[in-house]
Amino acid sequence: MSDAKRISWGKPRRPSDADRDALRDDLLTRARAVRAAGWAPYRAEWSPGQLAVVAYLLGDAEVLADLEETEGTVLTRYAADLFGFLDGRKDVEKGLTATQTWFDTVRASL
């Protein structure tokens, strides 16, 4: 055995309502910007993940396909961001219902 010490990662962080509100505000700002100016100004500026989540919110299947993303990949990626690792994993196992509901409320605010 090596003398390496075991790494303690501590307790997993669970996102707060304030974290989810900040994410919601960011996504709404991005989605509204795309609605106003189209995708061109943001394709090189935003990461593929940011483009995909905005495309999902806007229901833009063409952009999702261009990015090789689906509703499932976007929702799976955001489950842990919304609910933390453990609860996000539970939501994945349940079919992403809580994550999808959260995104539905964001979409309704557009």
PDB file of N, CA and C in Angstrom:
ATOM      1  N   MET A   1       0.830  -1.196   0.000  1.00  0.00           N
ATOM      2  CA  MET A   1       0.000   0.000   0.000  1.00  0.00           C
ATOM      3  C   MET A   1       0.867   1.250   0.000  1.00  0.00           C
ATOM      4  N   SER A   2       0.321   2.285  -0.558  1.00  0.00           N
ATOM      5  CA  SER A   2       1.062   3.548  -0.577  1.00  0.00           C
ATOM      6  C   SER A   2       0.772   4.332   0.693  1.00  0.00           C
ATOM      7  N   ASP A   3       1.562   5.343   0.903  1.00  0.00           N
ATOM      8  CA  ASP A   3       1.381   6.198   2.072  1.00  0.00           C
ATOM      9  C   ASP A   3       0.462   7.379   1.768  1.00  0.00           C
ATOM     10  N   ALA A   4      -0.179   7.350   0.613  1.00  0.00           N
ATOM     11  CA  ALA A   4      -1.061   8.456   0.221  1.00  0.00           C
ATOM     12  C   ALA A   4      -2.244   8.535   1.171  1.00  0.00           C
ATOM     13  N   LYS A   5      -2.610   9.758   1.502  1.00  0.00           N
ATOM     14  CA  LYS A   5      -3.754   9.973   2.377  1.00  0.00           C
ATOM     15  C   LYS A   5      -5.032   9.912   1.570  1.00  0.00           C
ATOM     16  N   ARG A   6      -6.052   9.394   2.188  1.00  0.00           N
ATOM     17  CA  ARG A   6      -7.358   9.340   1.548  1.00  0.00           C
ATOM     18  C   ARG A   6      -7.915  10.758   1.434  1.00  0.00           C
ATOM     19  N   ILE A   7      -8.465  11.060   0.287  1.00  0.00           N
ATOM     20  CA  ILE A   7      -9.046  12.386   0.055  1.00  0.00           C
ATOM     21  C   ILE A   7     -10.455  12.412   0.633  1.00  0.00           C
ATOM     22  N   SER A   8     -10.745  13.419   1.404  1.00  0.00           N
ATOM     23  CA  SER A   8     -12.090  13.617   1.920  1.00  0.00           C
ATOM     24  C   SER A   8     -12.710  14.766   1.150  1.00  0.00           C
ATOM     25  N   TRP A   9     -13.736  14.471   0.392  1.00  0.00           N
ATOM     26  CA  TRP A   9     -14.375  15.494  -0.440  1.00  0.00           C
ATOM     27  C   TRP A   9     -15.398  16.295   0.348  1.00  0.00           C
ATOM     28  N   GLY A  10     -15.698  15.849   1.556  1.00  0.00           N
ATOM     29  CA  GLY A  10     -16.690  16.567   2.346  1.00  0.00           C
ATOM     30  C   GLY A  10     -18.102  16.241   1.894  1.00  0.00           C
ATOM     31  N   LYS A  11     -19.039  16.895   2.500  1.00  0.00           N
ATOM     32  CA  LYS A  11     -20.445  16.674   2.186  1.00  0.00           C
ATOM     33  C   LYS A  11     -20.777  17.316   0.832  1.00  0.00           C
ATOM     34  N   PRO A  12     -21.479  16.572  -0.034  1.00  0.00           N
ATOM     35  CA  PRO A  12     -21.856  17.165  -1.331  1.00  0.00           C
ATOM     36  C   PRO A  12     -22.722  18.408  -1.125  1.00  0.00           C
ATOM     37  N   ARG A  13     -22.465  19.407  -1.930  1.00  0.00           N
ATOM     38  CA  ARG A  13     -23.203  20.666  -1.842  1.00  0.00           C
ATOM     39  C   ARG A  13     -24.542  20.536  -2.550  1.00  0.00           C
ATOM     40  N   ARG A  14     -25.576  20.987  -1.898  1.00  0.00           N
ATOM     41  CA  ARG A  14     -26.908  21.006  -2.502  1.00  0.00           C
ATOM     42  C   ARG A  14     -27.217  22.445  -2.900  1.00  0.00           C
ATOM     43  N   PRO A  15     -27.541  22.672  -4.169  1.00  0.00           N
ATOM     44  CA  PRO A  15     -27.861  24.034  -4.612  1.00  0.00           C
ATOM     45  C   PRO A  15     -29.054  24.599  -3.828  1.00  0.00           C
ATOM     46  N   SER A  16     -28.992  25.870  -3.559  1.00  0.00           N
ATOM     47  CA  SER A  16     -30.055  26.560  -2.819  1.00  0.00           C
ATOM     48  C   SER A  16     -31.091  27.126  -3.789  1.00  0.00           C
ATOM     49  N   ASP A  17     -32.178  27.604  -3.237  1.00  0.00           N
ATOM     50  CA  ASP A  17     -33.179  28.290  -4.066  1.00  0.00           C
ATOM     51  C   ASP A  17     -32.546  29.496  -4.757  1.00  0.00           C
ATOM     52  N   ALA A  18     -31.642  30.188  -4.050  1.00  0.00           N
ATOM     53  CA  ALA A  18     -30.959  31.341  -4.653  1.00  0.00           C
ATOM     54  C   ALA A  18     -30.099  30.911  -5.839  1.00  0.00           C
ATOM     55  N   ASP A  19     -29.441  29.750  -5.734  1.00  0.00           N
ATOM     56  CA  ASP A  19     -28.653  29.224  -6.860  1.00  0.00           C
ATOM     57  C   ASP A  19     -29.552  28.932  -8.050  1.00  0.00           C
ATOM     58  N   ARG A  20     -30.685  28.292  -7.790  1.00  0.00           N
ATOM     59  CA  ARG A  20     -31.621  27.976  -8.883  1.00  0.00           C
ATOM     60  C   ARG A  20     -32.212  29.250  -9.482  1.00  0.00           C
ATOM     61  N   ASP A  21     -32.490  30.240  -8.644  1.00  0.00           N
ATOM     62  CA  ASP A  21     -33.009  31.526  -9.150  1.00  0.00           C
ATOM     63  C   ASP A  21     -31.981  32.206 -10.048  1.00  0.00           C
ATOM     64  N   ALA A  22     -30.704  32.162  -9.646  1.00  0.00           N
ATOM     65  CA  ALA A  22     -29.644  32.780 -10.452  1.00  0.00           C
ATOM     66  C   ALA A  22     -29.512  32.054 -11.786  1.00  0.00           C
ATOM     67  N   LEU A  23     -29.591  30.732 -11.765  1.00  0.00           N
ATOM     68  CA  LEU A  23     -29.538  29.964 -13.007  1.00  0.00           C
ATOM     69  C   LEU A  23     -30.729  30.306 -13.890  1.00  0.00           C
ATOM     70  N   ARG A  24     -31.895  30.374 -13.298  1.00  0.00           N
ATOM     71  CA  ARG A  24     -33.104  30.722 -14.044  1.00  0.00           C
ATOM     72  C   ARG A  24     -32.952  32.088 -14.722  1.00  0.00           C
ATOM     73  N   ASP A  25     -32.483  33.073 -13.968  1.00  0.00           N
ATOM     74  CA  ASP A  25     -32.306  34.425 -14.514  1.00  0.00           C
ATOM     75  C   ASP A  25     -31.304  34.435 -15.662  1.00  0.00           C
ATOM     76  N   ASP A  26     -30.209  33.691 -15.505  1.00  0.00           N
ATOM     77  CA  ASP A  26     -29.202  33.610 -16.559  1.00  0.00           C
ATOM     78  C   ASP A  26     -29.783  32.979 -17.824  1.00  0.00           C
ATOM     79  N   LEU A  27     -30.505  31.888 -17.652  1.00  0.00           N
ATOM     80  CA  LEU A  27     -31.087  31.204 -18.813  1.00  0.00           C
ATOM     81  C   LEU A  27     -32.135  32.069 -19.507  1.00  0.00           C
ATOM     82  N   LEU A  28     -32.946  32.761 -18.724  1.00  0.00           N
ATOM     83  CA  LEU A  28     -33.946  33.653 -19.328  1.00  0.00           C
ATOM     84  C   LEU A  28     -33.279  34.780 -20.106  1.00  0.00           C
ATOM     85  N   THR A  29     -32.225  35.346 -19.558  1.00  0.00           N
ATOM     86  CA  THR A  29     -31.492  36.416 -20.248  1.00  0.00           C
ATOM     87  C   THR A  29     -30.937  35.909 -21.570  1.00  0.00           C
ATOM     88  N   ARG A  30     -30.343  34.733 -21.539  1.00  0.00           N
ATOM     89  CA  ARG A  30     -29.768  34.159 -22.762  1.00  0.00           C
ATOM     90  C   ARG A  30     -30.852  33.839 -23.796  1.00  0.00           C
ATOM     91  N   ALA A  31     -31.933  33.229 -23.356  1.00  0.00           N
ATOM     92  CA  ALA A  31     -33.004  32.869 -24.285  1.00  0.00           C
ATOM     93  C   ALA A  31     -33.636  34.113 -24.919  1.00  0.00           C
ATOM     94  N   ARG A  32     -33.824  35.130 -24.126  1.00  0.00           N
ATOM     95  CA  ARG A  32     -34.386  36.378 -24.662  1.00  0.00           C
ATOM     96  C   ARG A  32     -33.427  37.055 -25.632  1.00  0.00           C
ATOM     97  N   ALA A  33     -32.134  36.939 -25.362  1.00  0.00           N
ATOM     98  CA  ALA A  33     -31.138  37.517 -26.278  1.00  0.00           C
ATOM     99  C   ALA A  33     -31.184  36.805 -27.625  1.00  0.00           C
ATOM    100  N   VAL A  34     -31.321  35.488 -27.606  1.00  0.00           N
ATOM    101  CA  VAL A  34     -31.407  34.737 -28.864  1.00  0.00           C
ATOM    102  C   VAL A  34     -32.690  35.094 -29.603  1.00  0.00           C
ATOM    103  N   ARG A  35     -33.776  35.226 -28.871  1.00  0.00           N
ATOM    104  CA  ARG A  35     -35.035  35.626 -29.524  1.00  0.00           C
ATOM    105  C   ARG A  35     -34.894  36.985 -30.199  1.00  0.00           C
ATOM    106  N   ALA A  36     -34.164  37.894 -29.576  1.00  0.00           N
ATOM    107  CA  ALA A  36     -34.026  39.244 -30.111  1.00  0.00           C
ATOM    108  C   ALA A  36     -33.025  39.336 -31.256  1.00  0.00           C
ATOM    109  N   ALA A  37     -31.915  38.597 -31.161  1.00  0.00           N
ATOM    110  CA  ALA A  37     -30.818  38.778 -32.123  1.00  0.00           C
ATOM    111  C   ALA A  37     -30.504  37.546 -32.961  1.00  0.00           C
ATOM    112  N   GLY A  38     -31.164  36.433 -32.689  1.00  0.00           N
ATOM    113  CA  GLY A  38     -30.840  35.198 -33.400  1.00  0.00           C
ATOM    114  C   GLY A  38     -29.619  34.526 -32.773  1.00  0.00           C
ATOM    115  N   TRP A  39     -29.243  33.376 -33.326  1.00  0.00           N
ATOM    116  CA  TRP A  39     -28.147  32.576 -32.775  1.00  0.00           C
ATOM    117  C   TRP A  39     -26.756  33.082 -33.136  1.00  0.00           C
ATOM    118  N   ALA A  40     -26.637  33.762 -34.260  1.00  0.00           N
ATOM    119  CA  ALA A  40     -25.312  34.120 -34.793  1.00  0.00           C
ATOM    120  C   ALA A  40     -24.384  34.797 -33.777  1.00  0.00           C
ATOM    121  N   PRO A  41     -24.846  35.785 -33.018  1.00  0.00           N
ATOM    122  CA  PRO A  41     -23.914  36.453 -32.104  1.00  0.00           C
ATOM    123  C   PRO A  41     -23.402  35.560 -30.969  1.00  0.00           C
ATOM    124  N   TYR A  42     -24.059  34.446 -30.716  1.00  0.00           N
ATOM    125  CA  TYR A  42     -23.750  33.649 -29.535  1.00  0.00           C
ATOM    126  C   TYR A  42     -23.073  32.313 -29.840  1.00  0.00           C
ATOM    127  N   ARG A  43     -23.108  31.877 -31.073  1.00  0.00           N
ATOM    128  CA  ARG A  43     -22.534  30.567 -31.431  1.00  0.00           C
ATOM    129  C   ARG A  43     -21.070  30.440 -31.048  1.00  0.00           C
ATOM    130  N   ALA A  44     -20.289  31.474 -31.250  1.00  0.00           N
ATOM    131  CA  ALA A  44     -18.861  31.411 -30.915  1.00  0.00           C
ATOM    132  C   ALA A  44     -18.594  31.873 -29.482  1.00  0.00           C
ATOM    133  N   GLU A  45     -19.534  32.598 -28.905  1.00  0.00           N
ATOM    134  CA  GLU A  45     -19.336  33.176 -27.572  1.00  0.00           C
ATOM    135  C   GLU A  45     -19.688  32.203 -26.443  1.00  0.00           C
ATOM    136  N   TRP A  46     -20.751  31.425 -26.602  1.00  0.00           N
ATOM    137  CA  TRP A  46     -21.218  30.521 -25.559  1.00  0.00           C
ATOM    138  C   TRP A  46     -20.672  29.125 -25.767  1.00  0.00           C
ATOM    139  N   SER A  47     -20.561  28.387 -24.676  1.00  0.00           N
ATOM    140  CA  SER A  47     -20.121  26.989 -24.755  1.00  0.00           C
ATOM    141  C   SER A  47     -21.218  26.149 -25.407  1.00  0.00           C
ATOM    142  N   PRO A  48     -20.853  24.974 -25.930  1.00  0.00           N
ATOM    143  CA  PRO A  48     -21.881  24.094 -26.492  1.00  0.00           C
ATOM    144  C   PRO A  48     -22.988  23.760 -25.490  1.00  0.00           C
ATOM    145  N   GLY A  49     -22.635  23.580 -24.226  1.00  0.00           N
ATOM    146  CA  GLY A  49     -23.647  23.298 -23.207  1.00  0.00           C
ATOM    147  C   GLY A  49     -24.610  24.452 -23.004  1.00  0.00           C
ATOM    148  N   GLN A  50     -24.094  25.671 -23.027  1.00  0.00           N
ATOM    149  CA  GLN A  50     -24.949  26.847 -22.898  1.00  0.00           C
ATOM    150  C   GLN A  50     -25.862  26.992 -24.106  1.00  0.00           C
ATOM    151  N   LEU A  51     -25.318  26.746 -25.280  1.00  0.00           N
ATOM    152  CA  LEU A  51     -26.137  26.795 -26.487  1.00  0.00           C
ATOM    153  C   LEU A  51     -27.247  25.744 -26.425  1.00  0.00           C
ATOM    154  N   ALA A  52     -26.900  24.539 -25.971  1.00  0.00           N
ATOM    155  CA  ALA A  52     -27.871  23.449 -25.928  1.00  0.00           C
ATOM    156  C   ALA A  52     -29.009  23.739 -24.966  1.00  0.00           C
ATOM    157  N   VAL A  53     -28.701  24.258 -23.778  1.00  0.00           N
ATOM    158  CA  VAL A  53     -29.770  24.502 -22.817  1.00  0.00           C
ATOM    159  C   VAL A  53     -30.690  25.621 -23.293  1.00  0.00           C
ATOM    160  N   VAL A  54     -30.146  26.618 -23.943  1.00  0.00           N
ATOM    161  CA  VAL A  54     -30.987  27.685 -24.483  1.00  0.00           C
ATOM    162  C   VAL A  54     -31.825  27.146 -25.643  1.00  0.00           C
ATOM    163  N   ALA A  55     -31.230  26.333 -26.485  1.00  0.00           N
ATOM    164  CA  ALA A  55     -31.998  25.720 -27.576  1.00  0.00           C
ATOM    165  C   ALA A  55     -33.126  24.864 -27.018  1.00  0.00           C
ATOM    166  N   TYR A  56     -32.849  24.131 -25.952  1.00  0.00           N
ATOM    167  CA  TYR A  56     -33.901  23.330 -25.322  1.00  0.00           C
ATOM    168  C   TYR A  56     -35.030  24.229 -24.815  1.00  0.00           C
ATOM    169  N   LEU A  57     -34.678  25.311 -24.117  1.00  0.00           N
ATOM    170  CA  LEU A  57     -35.705  26.229 -23.610  1.00  0.00           C
ATOM    171  C   LEU A  57     -36.551  26.813 -24.736  1.00  0.00           C
ATOM    172  N   LEU A  58     -35.893  27.125 -25.847  1.00  0.00           N
ATOM    173  CA  LEU A  58     -36.597  27.738 -26.975  1.00  0.00           C
ATOM    174  C   LEU A  58     -37.266  26.707 -27.883  1.00  0.00           C
ATOM    175  N   GLY A  59     -37.074  25.431 -27.588  1.00  0.00           N
ATOM    176  CA  GLY A  59     -37.663  24.391 -28.428  1.00  0.00           C
ATOM    177  C   GLY A  59     -37.042  24.332 -29.806  1.00  0.00           C
ATOM    178  N   ASP A  60     -35.768  24.666 -29.917  1.00  0.00           N
ATOM    179  CA  ASP A  60     -35.076  24.709 -31.202  1.00  0.00           C
ATOM    180  C   ASP A  60     -34.388  23.373 -31.470  1.00  0.00           C
ATOM    181  N   ALA A  61     -35.141  22.453 -32.055  1.00  0.00           N
ATOM    182  CA  ALA A  61     -34.642  21.103 -32.324  1.00  0.00           C
ATOM    183  C   ALA A  61     -33.478  21.113 -33.314  1.00  0.00           C
ATOM    184  N   GLU A  62     -33.459  22.072 -34.230  1.00  0.00           N
ATOM    185  CA  GLU A  62     -32.389  22.147 -35.224  1.00  0.00           C
ATOM    186  C   GLU A  62     -31.040  22.437 -34.563  1.00  0.00           C
ATOM    187  N   VAL A  63     -31.015  23.394 -33.652  1.00  0.00           N
ATOM    188  CA  VAL A  63     -29.767  23.723 -32.955  1.00  0.00           C
ATOM    189  C   VAL A  63     -29.350  22.553 -32.071  1.00  0.00           C
ATOM    190  N   LEU A  64     -30.299  21.926 -31.383  1.00  0.00           N
ATOM    191  CA  LEU A  64     -29.967  20.752 -30.575  1.00  0.00           C
ATOM    192  C   LEU A  64     -29.338  19.662 -31.438  1.00  0.00           C
ATOM    193  N   ALA A  65     -29.907  19.415 -32.593  1.00  0.00           N
ATOM    194  CA  ALA A  65     -29.361  18.399 -33.491  1.00  0.00           C
ATOM    195  C   ALA A  65     -27.963  18.780 -33.966  1.00  0.00           C
ATOM    196  N   ASP A  66     -27.757  20.046 -34.310  1.00  0.00           N
ATOM    197  CA  ASP A  66     -26.427  20.516 -34.726  1.00  0.00           C
ATOM    198  C   ASP A  66     -25.384  20.269 -33.640  1.00  0.00           C
ATOM    199  N   LEU A  67     -25.807  20.389 -32.382  1.00  0.00           N
ATOM    200  CA  LEU A  67     -24.905  20.207 -31.240  1.00  0.00           C
ATOM    201  C   LEU A  67     -24.830  18.745 -30.783  1.00  0.00           C
ATOM    202  N   GLU A  68     -25.580  17.889 -31.481  1.00  0.00           N
ATOM    203  CA  GLU A  68     -25.679  16.469 -31.126  1.00  0.00           C
ATOM    204  C   GLU A  68     -26.172  16.302 -29.693  1.00  0.00           C
ATOM    205  N   GLU A  69     -27.195  17.069 -29.362  1.00  0.00           N
ATOM    206  CA  GLU A  69     -27.821  17.042 -28.043  1.00  0.00           C
ATOM    207  C   GLU A  69     -29.292  16.670 -28.200  1.00  0.00           C
ATOM    208  N   THR A  70     -29.869  16.207 -27.101  1.00  0.00           N
ATOM    209  CA  THR A  70     -31.291  15.890 -27.058  1.00  0.00           C
ATOM    210  C   THR A  70     -31.869  16.474 -25.774  1.00  0.00           C
ATOM    211  N   GLU A  71     -33.173  16.423 -25.663  1.00  0.00           N
ATOM    212  CA  GLU A  71     -33.813  16.836 -24.417  1.00  0.00           C
ATOM    213  C   GLU A  71     -33.216  16.058 -23.243  1.00  0.00           C
ATOM    214  N   GLY A  72     -33.035  14.770 -23.420  1.00  0.00           N
ATOM    215  CA  GLY A  72     -32.508  13.926 -22.355  1.00  0.00           C
ATOM    216  C   GLY A  72     -31.108  14.303 -21.915  1.00  0.00           C
ATOM    217  N   THR A  73     -30.242  14.637 -22.870  1.00  0.00           N
ATOM    218  CA  THR A  73     -28.867  14.988 -22.488  1.00  0.00           C
ATOM    219  C   THR A  73     -28.829  16.315 -21.743  1.00  0.00           C
ATOM    220  N   VAL A  74     -29.652  17.258 -22.180  1.00  0.00           N
ATOM    221  CA  VAL A  74     -29.694  18.560 -21.510  1.00  0.00           C
ATOM    222  C   VAL A  74     -30.243  18.400 -20.094  1.00  0.00           C
ATOM    223  N   LEU A  75     -31.361  17.703 -19.952  1.00  0.00           N
ATOM    224  CA  LEU A  75     -31.967  17.540 -18.636  1.00  0.00           C
ATOM    225  C   LEU A  75     -31.062  16.758 -17.688  1.00  0.00           C
ATOM    226  N   THR A  76     -30.422  15.722 -18.195  1.00  0.00           N
ATOM    227  CA  THR A  76     -29.518  14.931 -17.361  1.00  0.00           C
ATOM    228  C   THR A  76     -28.363  15.784 -16.857  1.00  0.00           C
ATOM    229  N   ARG A  77     -27.822  16.623 -17.722  1.00  0.00           N
ATOM    230  CA  ARG A  77     -26.710  17.492 -17.339  1.00  0.00           C
ATOM    231  C   ARG A  77     -27.121  18.481 -16.251  1.00  0.00           C
ATOM    232  N   TYR A  78     -28.340  18.964 -16.296  1.00  0.00           N
ATOM    233  CA  TYR A  78     -28.770  19.991 -15.351  1.00  0.00           C
ATOM    234  C   TYR A  78     -29.392  19.442 -14.070  1.00  0.00           C
ATOM    235  N   ALA A  79     -29.715  18.172 -13.993  1.00  0.00           N
ATOM    236  CA  ALA A  79     -30.335  17.612 -12.784  1.00  0.00           C
ATOM    237  C   ALA A  79     -29.478  17.862 -11.552  1.00  0.00           C
ATOM    238  N   ALA A  80     -28.192  17.580 -11.639  1.00  0.00           N
ATOM    239  CA  ALA A  80     -27.303  17.795 -10.490  1.00  0.00           C
ATOM    240  C   ALA A  80     -27.100  19.282 -10.222  1.00  0.00           C
ATOM    241  N   ASP A  81     -27.061  20.101 -11.268  1.00  0.00           N
ATOM    242  CA  ASP A  81     -26.917  21.546 -11.070  1.00  0.00           C
ATOM    243  C   ASP A  81     -28.107  22.115 -10.295  1.00  0.00           C
ATOM    244  N   LEU A  82     -29.266  21.541 -10.517  1.00  0.00           N
ATOM    245  CA  LEU A  82     -30.476  22.041  -9.867  1.00  0.00           C
ATOM    246  C   LEU A  82     -30.681  21.485  -8.464  1.00  0.00           C
ATOM    247  N   PHE A  83     -30.356  20.199  -8.275  1.00  0.00           N
ATOM    248  CA  PHE A  83     -30.740  19.527  -7.040  1.00  0.00           C
ATOM    249  C   PHE A  83     -29.586  18.895  -6.272  1.00  0.00           C
ATOM    250  N   GLY A  84     -28.377  19.047  -6.762  1.00  0.00           N
ATOM    251  CA  GLY A  84     -27.236  18.420  -6.115  1.00  0.00           C
ATOM    252  C   GLY A  84     -27.010  17.018  -6.678  1.00  0.00           C
ATOM    253  N   PHE A  85     -25.856  16.457  -6.370  1.00  0.00           N
ATOM    254  CA  PHE A  85     -25.487  15.174  -6.960  1.00  0.00           C
ATOM    255  C   PHE A  85     -26.468  14.064  -6.585  1.00  0.00           C
ATOM    256  N   LEU A  86     -26.748  13.900  -5.308  1.00  0.00           N
ATOM    257  CA  LEU A  86     -27.582  12.785  -4.876  1.00  0.00           C
ATOM    258  C   LEU A  86     -29.027  12.924  -5.345  1.00  0.00           C
ATOM    259  N   ASP A  87     -29.618  14.088  -5.115  1.00  0.00           N
ATOM    260  CA  ASP A  87     -31.006  14.283  -5.546  1.00  0.00           C
ATOM    261  C   ASP A  87     -31.115  14.350  -7.067  1.00  0.00           C
ATOM    262  N   GLY A  88     -30.082  14.877  -7.721  1.00  0.00           N
ATOM    263  CA  GLY A  88     -30.070  14.883  -9.181  1.00  0.00           C
ATOM    264  C   GLY A  88     -30.057  13.463  -9.730  1.00  0.00           C
ATOM    265  N   ARG A  89     -29.263  12.605  -9.106  1.00  0.00           N
ATOM    266  CA  ARG A  89     -29.211  11.204  -9.539  1.00  0.00           C
ATOM    267  C   ARG A  89     -30.549  10.510  -9.319  1.00  0.00           C
ATOM    268  N   LYS A  90     -31.195  10.819  -8.201  1.00  0.00           N
ATOM    269  CA  LYS A  90     -32.523  10.252  -7.941  1.00  0.00           C
ATOM    270  C   LYS A  90     -33.515  10.713  -8.997  1.00  0.00           C
ATOM    271  N   ASP A  91     -33.411  11.980  -9.402  1.00  0.00           N
ATOM    272  CA  ASP A  91     -34.324  12.489 -10.429  1.00  0.00           C
ATOM    273  C   ASP A  91     -34.068  11.813 -11.769  1.00  0.00           C
ATOM    274  N   VAL A  92     -32.814  11.544 -12.084  1.00  0.00           N
ATOM    275  CA  VAL A  92     -32.493  10.809 -13.313  1.00  0.00           C
ATOM    276  C   VAL A  92     -33.163   9.438 -13.271  1.00  0.00           C
ATOM    277  N   GLU A  93     -33.051   8.769 -12.134  1.00  0.00           N
ATOM    278  CA  GLU A  93     -33.648   7.435 -11.986  1.00  0.00           C
ATOM    279  C   GLU A  93     -35.172   7.477 -12.109  1.00  0.00           C
ATOM    280  N   LYS A  94     -35.783   8.597 -11.730  1.00  0.00           N
ATOM    281  CA  LYS A  94     -37.243   8.746 -11.801  1.00  0.00           C
ATOM    282  C   LYS A  94     -37.712   9.290 -13.144  1.00  0.00           C
ATOM    283  N   GLY A  95     -36.790   9.480 -14.088  1.00  0.00           N
ATOM    284  CA  GLY A  95     -37.174   9.976 -15.403  1.00  0.00           C
ATOM    285  C   GLY A  95     -37.071  11.477 -15.563  1.00  0.00           C
ATOM    286  N   LEU A  96     -36.326  12.139 -14.678  1.00  0.00           N
ATOM    287  CA  LEU A  96     -36.055  13.578 -14.761  1.00  0.00           C
ATOM    288  C   LEU A  96     -37.302  14.443 -14.616  1.00  0.00           C
ATOM    289  N   THR A  97     -38.274  13.964 -13.868  1.00  0.00           N
ATOM    290  CA  THR A  97     -39.529  14.702 -13.748  1.00  0.00           C
ATOM    291  C   THR A  97     -39.356  16.050 -13.047  1.00  0.00           C
ATOM    292  N   ALA A  98     -38.571  16.092 -11.973  1.00  0.00           N
ATOM    293  CA  ALA A  98     -38.376  17.361 -11.260  1.00  0.00           C
ATOM    294  C   ALA A  98     -37.584  18.349 -12.111  1.00  0.00           C
ATOM    295  N   THR A  99     -36.581  17.850 -12.807  1.00  0.00           N
ATOM    296  CA  THR A  99     -35.772  18.715 -13.675  1.00  0.00           C
ATOM    297  C   THR A  99     -36.628  19.266 -14.813  1.00  0.00           C
ATOM    298  N   GLN A 100     -37.421  18.405 -15.410  1.00  0.00           N
ATOM    299  CA  GLN A 100     -38.288  18.830 -16.505  1.00  0.00           C
ATOM    300  C   GLN A 100     -39.319  19.853 -16.016  1.00  0.00           C
ATOM    301  N   THR A 101     -39.869  19.637 -14.832  1.00  0.00           N
ATOM    302  CA  THR A 101     -40.829  20.583 -14.264  1.00  0.00           C
ATOM    303  C   THR A 101     -40.181  21.942 -14.041  1.00  0.00           C
ATOM    304  N   TRP A 102     -38.944  21.942 -13.523  1.00  0.00           N
ATOM    305  CA  TRP A 102     -38.242  23.205 -13.301  1.00  0.00           C
ATOM    306  C   TRP A 102     -38.055  23.943 -14.624  1.00  0.00           C
ATOM    307  N   PHE A 103     -37.621  23.235 -15.650  1.00  0.00           N
ATOM    308  CA  PHE A 103     -37.431  23.871 -16.959  1.00  0.00           C
ATOM    309  C   PHE A 103     -38.749  24.352 -17.543  1.00  0.00           C
ATOM    310  N   ASP A 104     -39.842  23.628 -17.303  1.00  0.00           N
ATOM    311  CA  ASP A 104     -41.152  24.064 -17.786  1.00  0.00           C
ATOM    312  C   ASP A 104     -41.538  25.402 -17.171  1.00  0.00           C
ATOM    313  N   THR A 105     -41.210  25.602 -15.881  1.00  0.00           N
ATOM    314  CA  THR A 105     -41.545  26.884 -15.249  1.00  0.00           C
ATOM    315  C   THR A 105     -40.681  28.010 -15.805  1.00  0.00           C
ATOM    316  N   VAL A 106     -39.422  27.690 -16.122  1.00  0.00           N
ATOM    317  CA  VAL A 106     -38.559  28.710 -16.735  1.00  0.00           C
ATOM    318  C   VAL A 106     -39.097  29.060 -18.115  1.00  0.00           C
ATOM    319  N   ARG A 107     -39.433  28.054 -18.888  1.00  0.00           N
ATOM    320  CA  ARG A 107     -39.958  28.278 -20.234  1.00  0.00           C
ATOM    321  C   ARG A 107     -41.243  29.118 -20.192  1.00  0.00           C
ATOM    322  N   ALA A 108     -42.068  28.890 -19.206  1.00  0.00           N
ATOM    323  CA  ALA A 108     -43.316  29.654 -19.077  1.00  0.00           C
ATOM    324  C   ALA A 108     -43.060  31.130 -18.803  1.00  0.00           C
ATOM    325  N   SER A 109     -41.893  31.454 -18.280  1.00  0.00           N
ATOM    326  CA  SER A 109     -41.540  32.846 -17.986  1.00  0.00           C
ATOM    327  C   SER A 109     -41.008  33.600 -19.201  1.00  0.00           C
ATOM    328  N   LEU A 110     -40.746  32.877 -20.276  1.00  0.00           N
ATOM    329  CA  LEU A 110     -40.181  33.537 -21.466  1.00  0.00           C
ATOM    330  C   LEU A 110     -41.168  34.489 -22.110  1.00  0.00           C
TER     331      LEU A 110
END
